[in-house]
Amino acid sequence: MASIRRTLSPYHDRPYQNGGTPFSAPSPPQHRPLSTGKSSTLAAGFRRFLGGVFLPRYSRKGQLLKKLFYRCLFFFLLGFLLGMTPFGSFDDVRSHDFSFEIKPPPSNVQEDVDSVIVARPANFVDKVELGVERRLKMKERFDFVPRKELIVVTPTYNRALQAYFLNRLGQVLRLVPPPLLWIVVEMNVESMETAEILRNSGVMYRHLVCTNNSTDLKDRGVHQRNTGLEHIEHHKLDGIVYFADDDNIYSLELFESLREISRFGTWPVAMLESSKNKAILEGPVCNGSNLIGWHTNEKSKRLRRFHVDMSGFAFNSTILWDPKRWHRPTSNRIRQLDTAKEGFQETTFIEQVVEDESQMKGTPFGCSRIMNWHLHLEARDLVYPKGWLLQKNLDVIFPIK
């Protein structure tokens, strides 16, 4: 016997325990198509497409992926069409609108600006002008030009005019553009007076002491300069070495020309004779910067190889501690010789630095200018006179008339 199973409707056939009337769901409204024929078919297809894109059914997995693909394709086409659609006119955009040329303002605007400037108070400072001025000052301050370091070696000793000589030389070195190192060498011990002069000079310095036994010294200055050379060689200082005695007179042009030396440079020096009634010239004779001879006033038969004063030459400091760079035949230390006769210390020292005049350079061009003087104005036996220091102030009474 066949049995009929009836499926209960969720709205009409559901039993209620309280005996209430079952809820009746309203039937959906029936919409009539606005048009018939081909237009209705297109509208229905478009509605089905949108419904499939925005309201996907989860009946099958393949259908879900297909509708997701249609959705992405729809938004891609929509964005592409919106991007290609012009929303404004570009007729007013011209090439001269993007020009970086600075043009003056119109006449009426310039008159307004001038009136505003005139209306400023006297103590008004424009922030833009102040910033520009500050940048210009900073540019000048940090406009650094690389220069060779000058290493000035000065031997000194206690005497009446020592403070005067050191202060005078220190003031000249203070005006020389940096970098510059002043090596001052004393005998046996550092004096407080010399140390104070160096601190107040405003020059970068190193205060050294020559510890050789002064009783066995033939020439004090030779050993003091050797102490400076040992210091340069030990610390491998790179620069131009110049022996500047404190009692000579130097020009700023001399120190500026020292930086043009590559290996060895020399120039003529004017010297005042011991009789102080005649000046002689000692140094190179140049054709341009090439040496072709020497100025000399030698009357004796012992002619020197190089007729140069101690303050009439300078050389590169790397010759002292880098012999391979300059192809020196030996690696012996370059020092001044105390065993040399008086007046021959310069030539025996130069013979260790260069071989001949071809390795020298005359400065300035043509060696036609005197840039330093070697004077003999100091009395060696002069001491400080007594009575220059007053222990107490003087009380003086002047009668009033």
Protein backbone atom coordinates (compact mmCIF):
# COMPACT_ATOMS: atom_id res chain seq x y z
CA MET A 1 0.00 0.00 0.00
CA ALA A 2 1.43 3.27 -1.01
CA SER A 3 1.84 5.97 1.57
CA ILE A 4 1.87 9.67 0.91
CA ARG A 5 4.26 11.82 2.95
CA ARG A 6 3.33 15.45 3.12
CA THR A 7 5.98 18.02 3.76
CA LEU A 8 4.90 20.64 6.20
CA SER A 9 5.14 24.25 5.09
CA PRO A 10 7.24 26.46 7.40
CA TYR A 11 4.42 28.94 7.54
CA HIS A 12 1.09 27.22 6.94
CA ASP A 13 1.39 23.69 8.36
CA ARG A 14 3.49 24.28 11.50
CA PRO A 15 1.52 23.31 14.62
CA TYR A 16 1.35 25.70 17.55
CA GLN A 17 0.88 24.47 21.06
CA ASN A 18 -1.13 27.45 22.23
CA GLY A 19 -3.66 26.97 19.49
CA GLY A 20 -2.94 30.22 17.80
CA THR A 21 -3.59 30.98 14.22
CA PRO A 22 -0.64 30.05 12.03
CA PHE A 23 1.30 32.91 10.45
CA SER A 24 0.68 33.37 6.78
CA ALA A 25 3.55 34.66 4.69
CA PRO A 26 2.55 37.25 2.15
CA SER A 27 3.04 36.30 -1.41
CA PRO A 28 5.68 38.24 -3.27
CA PRO A 29 4.39 41.00 -5.52
CA GLN A 30 4.13 40.25 -9.17
CA HIS A 31 5.98 42.74 -11.38
CA ARG A 32 4.88 43.23 -14.88
CA PRO A 33 7.54 43.81 -17.47
CA LEU A 34 7.67 47.37 -18.73
CA SER A 35 8.41 46.31 -22.25
CA THR A 36 8.30 43.24 -24.34
CA GLY A 37 10.37 41.74 -27.07
CA LYS A 38 14.06 42.29 -27.56
CA SER A 39 14.44 45.11 -24.97
CA SER A 40 12.90 42.93 -22.26
CA THR A 41 15.26 40.13 -23.14
CA LEU A 42 18.32 42.45 -22.85
CA ALA A 43 17.10 43.87 -19.55
CA ALA A 44 16.49 40.42 -18.18
CA GLY A 45 19.95 39.27 -19.25
CA PHE A 46 21.59 42.32 -17.69
CA ARG A 47 19.65 41.75 -14.47
CA ARG A 48 20.73 38.14 -14.42
CA PHE A 49 24.36 39.22 -15.03
CA LEU A 50 24.27 41.72 -12.17
CA GLY A 51 22.55 39.24 -9.96
CA GLY A 52 25.15 36.66 -10.76
CA VAL A 53 27.95 39.15 -10.08
CA PHE A 54 26.66 40.71 -6.85
CA LEU A 55 24.55 37.86 -5.49
CA PRO A 56 26.39 34.64 -6.16
CA ARG A 57 24.75 31.35 -5.36
CA TYR A 58 26.75 28.78 -3.54
CA SER A 59 25.30 25.78 -5.27
CA ARG A 60 28.42 24.67 -6.99
CA LYS A 61 32.09 25.49 -6.56
CA GLY A 62 32.70 25.97 -10.29
CA GLN A 63 29.82 28.42 -10.59
CA LEU A 64 31.20 30.41 -7.63
CA LEU A 65 34.63 30.81 -9.22
CA LYS A 66 33.08 31.73 -12.55
CA LYS A 67 30.96 34.48 -11.00
CA LEU A 68 33.88 35.81 -8.99
CA PHE A 69 35.82 36.08 -12.23
CA TYR A 70 32.96 37.99 -13.84
CA ARG A 71 32.87 40.34 -10.86
CA CYS A 72 36.61 41.15 -11.10
CA LEU A 73 36.28 41.63 -14.88
CA PHE A 74 33.38 44.04 -14.38
CA PHE A 75 35.24 46.25 -11.90
CA PHE A 76 38.37 46.21 -14.06
CA LEU A 77 36.43 47.42 -17.10
CA LEU A 78 34.66 50.04 -14.98
CA GLY A 79 37.94 51.42 -13.64
CA PHE A 80 39.51 51.42 -17.10
CA LEU A 81 36.61 53.41 -18.55
CA LEU A 82 36.70 55.89 -15.68
CA GLY A 83 40.44 56.36 -16.12
CA MET A 84 40.12 57.07 -19.83
CA THR A 85 37.26 59.52 -19.40
CA PRO A 86 38.47 63.22 -19.44
CA PHE A 87 37.03 65.26 -16.59
CA GLY A 88 38.55 68.63 -17.51
CA SER A 89 40.17 70.64 -20.26
CA PHE A 90 43.96 70.91 -20.66
CA ASP A 91 43.91 73.66 -23.22
CA ASP A 92 45.17 76.21 -20.70
CA VAL A 93 48.28 74.19 -19.76
CA ARG A 94 51.19 75.41 -21.83
CA SER A 95 54.93 74.82 -21.81
CA HIS A 96 55.75 78.29 -20.56
CA ASP A 97 53.73 77.64 -17.42
CA PHE A 98 56.46 75.24 -16.26
CA SER A 99 59.41 77.54 -17.01
CA PHE A 100 61.92 78.07 -14.19
CA GLU A 101 62.90 81.54 -15.38
CA ILE A 102 62.70 84.19 -12.67
CA LYS A 103 60.68 87.08 -14.02
CA PRO A 104 60.24 90.47 -12.37
CA PRO A 105 56.82 91.15 -10.91
CA PRO A 106 54.40 93.47 -12.69
CA SER A 107 54.81 97.20 -12.28
CA ASN A 108 51.95 97.57 -9.87
CA VAL A 109 53.20 94.71 -7.72
CA GLN A 110 56.71 96.21 -7.66
CA GLU A 111 55.29 99.54 -6.54
CA ASP A 112 53.43 97.81 -3.74
CA VAL A 113 56.61 95.99 -2.64
CA ASP A 114 58.59 99.24 -2.68
CA SER A 115 55.95 100.94 -0.60
CA VAL A 116 56.06 98.09 1.91
CA ILE A 117 59.88 98.29 2.13
CA VAL A 118 59.78 102.02 2.66
CA ALA A 119 57.20 101.55 5.38
CA ARG A 120 59.53 99.26 7.38
CA PRO A 121 61.03 100.64 10.56
CA ALA A 122 64.70 101.52 10.67
CA ASN A 123 65.62 98.63 12.98
CA PHE A 124 63.72 96.01 10.95
CA VAL A 125 65.78 92.98 9.82
CA ASP A 126 64.40 90.77 7.10
CA LYS A 127 64.68 87.09 8.01
CA VAL A 128 65.41 86.13 4.40
CA GLU A 129 68.19 88.70 4.09
CA LEU A 130 69.62 87.59 7.44
CA GLY A 131 69.60 83.95 6.32
CA VAL A 132 71.34 84.75 3.04
CA GLU A 133 73.98 86.81 4.81
CA ARG A 134 74.56 84.03 7.31
CA ARG A 135 74.99 81.44 4.55
CA LEU A 136 77.51 83.67 2.79
CA LYS A 137 79.52 84.04 5.98
CA MET A 138 79.45 80.29 6.59
CA LYS A 139 80.63 79.69 3.02
CA GLU A 140 83.54 82.05 3.51
CA ARG A 141 84.34 80.45 6.83
CA PHE A 142 84.42 76.90 5.49
CA ASP A 143 86.00 77.74 2.15
CA PHE A 144 88.98 75.57 3.00
CA VAL A 145 91.88 75.32 0.59
CA PRO A 146 94.26 72.40 1.25
CA ARG A 147 97.77 73.66 1.96
CA LYS A 148 101.07 72.03 2.87
CA GLU A 149 102.03 72.18 6.51
CA LEU A 150 104.97 74.40 7.39
CA ILE A 151 107.33 73.09 10.10
CA VAL A 152 109.42 75.97 11.44
CA VAL A 153 112.35 74.93 13.66
CA THR A 154 113.76 77.70 15.88
CA PRO A 155 116.70 77.26 18.29
CA THR A 156 116.79 79.78 21.12
CA TYR A 157 118.80 80.48 24.26
CA ASN A 158 118.75 82.82 27.24
CA ARG A 159 119.96 86.32 26.46
CA ALA A 160 118.91 89.89 26.89
CA LEU A 161 116.83 90.23 23.69
CA GLN A 162 115.42 86.69 23.61
CA ALA A 163 111.88 87.74 24.56
CA TYR A 164 111.89 90.49 21.92
CA PHE A 165 113.09 88.14 19.19
CA LEU A 166 110.63 85.35 20.03
CA ASN A 167 107.66 87.74 20.22
CA ARG A 168 108.58 89.31 16.90
CA LEU A 169 108.88 85.95 15.14
CA GLY A 170 105.70 84.69 16.81
CA GLN A 171 103.72 87.68 15.52
CA VAL A 172 104.92 86.97 11.97
CA LEU A 173 104.03 83.25 12.18
CA ARG A 174 100.62 84.16 13.56
CA LEU A 175 99.79 85.91 10.28
CA VAL A 176 100.76 82.88 8.15
CA PRO A 177 97.71 80.86 7.00
CA PRO A 178 97.52 77.45 8.72
CA PRO A 179 98.59 74.70 8.95
CA LEU A 180 101.85 75.69 10.61
CA LEU A 181 103.84 74.06 13.43
CA TRP A 182 106.44 76.03 15.35
CA ILE A 183 109.11 73.83 16.99
CA VAL A 184 111.13 75.83 19.52
CA VAL A 185 114.18 74.10 21.02
CA GLU A 186 116.00 75.18 24.18
CA MET A 187 119.08 73.82 25.90
CA ASN A 188 118.96 71.62 29.02
CA VAL A 189 115.65 72.84 30.48
CA GLU A 190 112.44 74.55 29.47
CA SER A 191 112.36 78.11 30.75
CA MET A 192 109.12 79.52 32.11
CA GLU A 193 109.57 82.76 30.17
CA THR A 194 109.85 80.96 26.83
CA ALA A 195 106.86 78.73 27.62
CA GLU A 196 104.72 81.78 28.44
CA ILE A 197 105.71 83.51 25.19
CA LEU A 198 104.76 80.43 23.19
CA ARG A 199 101.39 80.09 24.94
CA ASN A 200 100.53 83.71 24.18
CA SER A 201 101.74 83.62 20.56
CA GLY A 202 98.54 82.14 19.12
CA VAL A 203 100.58 79.67 17.02
CA MET A 204 100.51 75.88 17.23
CA TYR A 205 103.86 74.99 18.78
CA ARG A 206 105.95 72.27 20.41
CA HIS A 207 108.48 73.17 23.07
CA LEU A 208 111.49 70.82 23.01
CA VAL A 209 114.68 70.55 25.05
CA CYS A 210 118.11 69.50 23.82
CA THR A 211 119.65 67.33 26.55
CA ASN A 212 123.19 67.11 25.15
CA ASN A 213 126.01 68.10 27.43
CA SER A 214 126.61 71.80 26.78
CA THR A 215 130.27 71.60 27.84
CA ASP A 216 131.13 69.35 24.89
CA LEU A 217 129.18 71.30 22.30
CA LYS A 218 131.04 73.14 19.61
CA ASP A 219 127.95 74.77 18.10
CA ARG A 220 124.83 74.96 20.24
CA GLY A 221 122.47 75.65 17.31
CA VAL A 222 123.55 72.50 15.44
CA HIS A 223 122.39 70.20 18.25
CA GLN A 224 119.18 72.13 18.79
CA ARG A 225 118.24 71.80 15.13
CA ASN A 226 119.09 68.10 15.24
CA THR A 227 116.68 67.74 18.17
CA GLY A 228 113.96 69.24 15.98
CA LEU A 229 114.88 66.89 13.11
CA GLU A 230 114.68 63.88 15.43
CA HIS A 231 111.21 64.96 16.53
CA ILE A 232 110.04 65.31 12.91
CA GLU A 233 111.49 61.93 11.95
CA HIS A 234 110.10 60.12 15.01
CA HIS A 235 106.54 61.41 14.52
CA LYS A 236 106.75 61.29 10.68
CA LEU A 237 105.51 64.84 10.27
CA ASP A 238 104.63 65.65 6.67
CA GLY A 239 105.37 69.20 5.57
CA ILE A 240 108.06 71.70 4.58
CA VAL A 241 110.90 72.08 7.12
CA TYR A 242 112.41 75.53 7.55
CA PHE A 243 115.14 76.61 9.99
CA ALA A 244 114.16 80.08 11.24
CA ASP A 245 116.51 81.65 13.79
CA ASP A 246 114.74 84.01 16.16
CA ASP A 247 117.03 87.00 15.46
CA ASN A 248 116.34 87.14 11.69
CA ILE A 249 113.71 89.22 9.90
CA TYR A 250 111.15 87.42 7.71
CA SER A 251 108.39 88.52 5.33
CA LEU A 252 105.01 86.86 4.86
CA GLU A 253 105.83 86.36 1.19
CA LEU A 254 108.61 83.98 2.22
CA PHE A 255 106.25 81.63 4.08
CA GLU A 256 103.73 81.73 1.24
CA SER A 257 106.43 80.66 -1.24
CA LEU A 258 107.51 77.75 0.99
CA ARG A 259 104.31 75.85 0.15
CA GLU A 260 105.34 75.78 -3.53
CA ILE A 261 108.39 73.61 -2.74
CA SER A 262 108.15 69.95 -3.69
CA ARG A 263 111.62 68.68 -2.66
CA PHE A 264 114.16 71.44 -1.99
CA GLY A 265 113.87 75.19 -2.39
CA THR A 266 116.35 78.00 -1.91
CA TRP A 267 116.46 81.79 -2.26
CA PRO A 268 118.95 84.65 -1.72
CA VAL A 269 119.40 86.13 1.76
CA ALA A 270 120.67 89.62 2.54
CA MET A 271 123.25 89.64 5.32
CA LEU A 272 124.72 92.48 7.33
CA GLU A 273 128.41 92.15 7.98
CA SER A 274 129.81 92.17 11.49
CA SER A 275 131.18 95.65 10.92
CA LYS A 276 127.55 96.76 10.25
CA ASN A 277 128.59 99.04 7.41
CA LYS A 278 128.03 96.74 4.45
CA ALA A 279 125.33 94.33 3.29
CA ILE A 280 126.16 91.28 1.20
CA LEU A 281 123.97 88.85 -0.74
CA GLU A 282 124.27 85.10 -0.36
CA GLY A 283 122.26 82.51 -2.22
CA PRO A 284 121.40 81.18 -5.69
CA VAL A 285 121.47 82.83 -9.09
CA CYS A 286 118.42 81.66 -11.03
CA ASN A 287 117.15 81.52 -14.57
CA GLY A 288 113.46 81.30 -13.81
CA SER A 289 113.32 78.59 -11.17
CA ASN A 290 116.49 76.79 -12.36
CA LEU A 291 119.78 77.38 -10.51
CA ILE A 292 122.71 78.48 -12.68
CA GLY A 293 125.12 79.85 -10.04
CA TRP A 294 125.66 81.28 -6.56
CA HIS A 295 126.14 84.68 -4.98
CA THR A 296 129.25 84.59 -2.83
CA ASN A 297 131.64 86.93 -1.09
CA GLU A 298 134.20 84.32 -0.15
CA LYS A 299 137.74 85.66 0.03
CA SER A 300 139.33 82.52 1.34
CA LYS A 301 140.40 79.62 -0.83
CA ARG A 302 138.05 77.21 0.92
CA LEU A 303 135.06 77.44 -1.38
CA ARG A 304 131.85 75.81 -0.27
CA ARG A 305 129.79 73.51 -2.46
CA PHE A 306 126.52 75.34 -1.80
CA HIS A 307 126.67 79.01 -0.79
CA VAL A 308 123.47 79.17 1.22
CA ASP A 309 122.60 80.71 4.58
CA MET A 310 120.89 78.58 7.23
CA SER A 311 117.66 80.58 6.76
CA GLY A 312 117.95 80.49 2.95
CA PHE A 313 116.56 77.02 2.17
CA ALA A 314 113.71 74.64 3.01
CA PHE A 315 112.98 71.00 2.15
CA ASN A 316 110.31 68.32 2.28
CA SER A 317 110.16 66.55 5.64
CA THR A 318 109.53 63.14 4.05
CA ILE A 319 113.17 63.12 2.94
CA LEU A 320 114.05 62.50 6.59
CA TRP A 321 111.89 59.39 7.17
CA ASP A 322 110.98 58.08 3.68
CA PRO A 323 114.21 57.62 1.66
CA LYS A 324 112.57 55.23 -0.86
CA ARG A 325 110.21 57.94 -2.05
CA TRP A 326 113.09 60.18 -3.09
CA HIS A 327 115.40 57.36 -4.24
CA ARG A 328 118.14 58.22 -1.81
CA PRO A 329 121.23 56.02 -2.24
CA THR A 330 121.55 55.48 1.52
CA SER A 331 119.14 55.36 4.42
CA ASN A 332 121.45 57.16 6.85
CA ARG A 333 119.88 59.75 9.10
CA ILE A 334 120.12 63.32 7.88
CA ARG A 335 121.63 65.51 10.57
CA GLN A 336 123.74 68.64 10.87
CA LEU A 337 127.37 67.93 11.66
CA ASP A 338 129.00 69.50 14.66
CA THR A 339 132.40 68.49 13.30
CA ALA A 340 132.09 70.80 10.29
CA LYS A 341 134.06 74.01 10.36
CA GLU A 342 132.35 77.32 11.01
CA GLY A 343 130.31 78.40 8.01
CA PHE A 344 130.22 74.89 6.51
CA GLN A 345 127.25 73.51 8.49
CA GLU A 346 124.81 74.55 5.75
CA THR A 347 126.64 72.99 2.82
CA THR A 348 127.41 69.70 4.62
CA PHE A 349 123.74 69.38 5.56
CA ILE A 350 122.44 70.16 2.05
CA GLU A 351 124.78 67.57 0.55
CA GLN A 352 122.84 64.91 2.51
CA VAL A 353 119.47 66.11 1.16
CA VAL A 354 120.17 66.66 -2.57
CA GLU A 355 122.83 65.59 -5.03
CA ASP A 356 123.21 68.74 -7.11
CA GLU A 357 121.44 71.90 -8.30
CA SER A 358 119.14 69.95 -10.61
CA GLN A 359 117.16 68.81 -7.55
CA MET A 360 116.78 72.37 -6.27
CA LYS A 361 114.18 74.99 -7.10
CA GLY A 362 114.79 78.71 -6.87
CA THR A 363 112.08 80.89 -5.34
CA PRO A 364 110.64 83.36 -6.11
CA PHE A 365 110.73 83.21 -9.90
CA GLY A 366 114.13 84.46 -11.00
CA CYS A 367 115.38 84.73 -7.37
CA SER A 368 115.16 88.48 -7.78
CA ARG A 369 113.57 89.44 -4.46
CA ILE A 370 114.89 89.52 -0.91
CA MET A 371 112.40 87.92 1.47
CA ASN A 372 114.45 87.72 4.66
CA TRP A 373 117.40 89.42 6.28
CA HIS A 374 120.13 87.99 8.49
CA LEU A 375 121.22 90.80 10.82
CA HIS A 376 123.94 90.94 13.46
CA LEU A 377 122.58 93.61 15.74
CA GLU A 378 122.85 91.90 19.10
CA ALA A 379 125.72 92.45 21.53
CA ARG A 380 126.60 89.00 22.85
CA ASP A 381 127.91 90.23 26.21
CA LEU A 382 124.83 92.33 26.98
CA VAL A 383 122.99 91.41 30.17
CA TYR A 384 119.98 92.87 31.92
CA PRO A 385 121.07 96.04 33.73
CA LYS A 386 120.41 96.25 37.44
CA GLY A 387 117.81 98.57 38.79
CA TRP A 388 115.20 98.03 36.08
CA LEU A 389 112.78 96.39 38.53
CA LEU A 390 111.38 98.52 41.36
CA GLN A 391 110.47 96.66 44.52
CA LYS A 392 108.28 99.49 45.87
CA ASN A 393 106.27 102.24 44.28
CA LEU A 394 107.77 105.71 44.42
CA ASP A 395 105.95 108.37 46.45
CA VAL A 396 106.42 111.75 44.81
CA ILE A 397 105.03 115.02 46.23
CA PHE A 398 104.74 118.03 43.95
CA PRO A 399 104.25 121.42 45.54
CA ILE A 400 101.20 123.33 44.38
CA LYS A 401 101.88 126.96 43.55
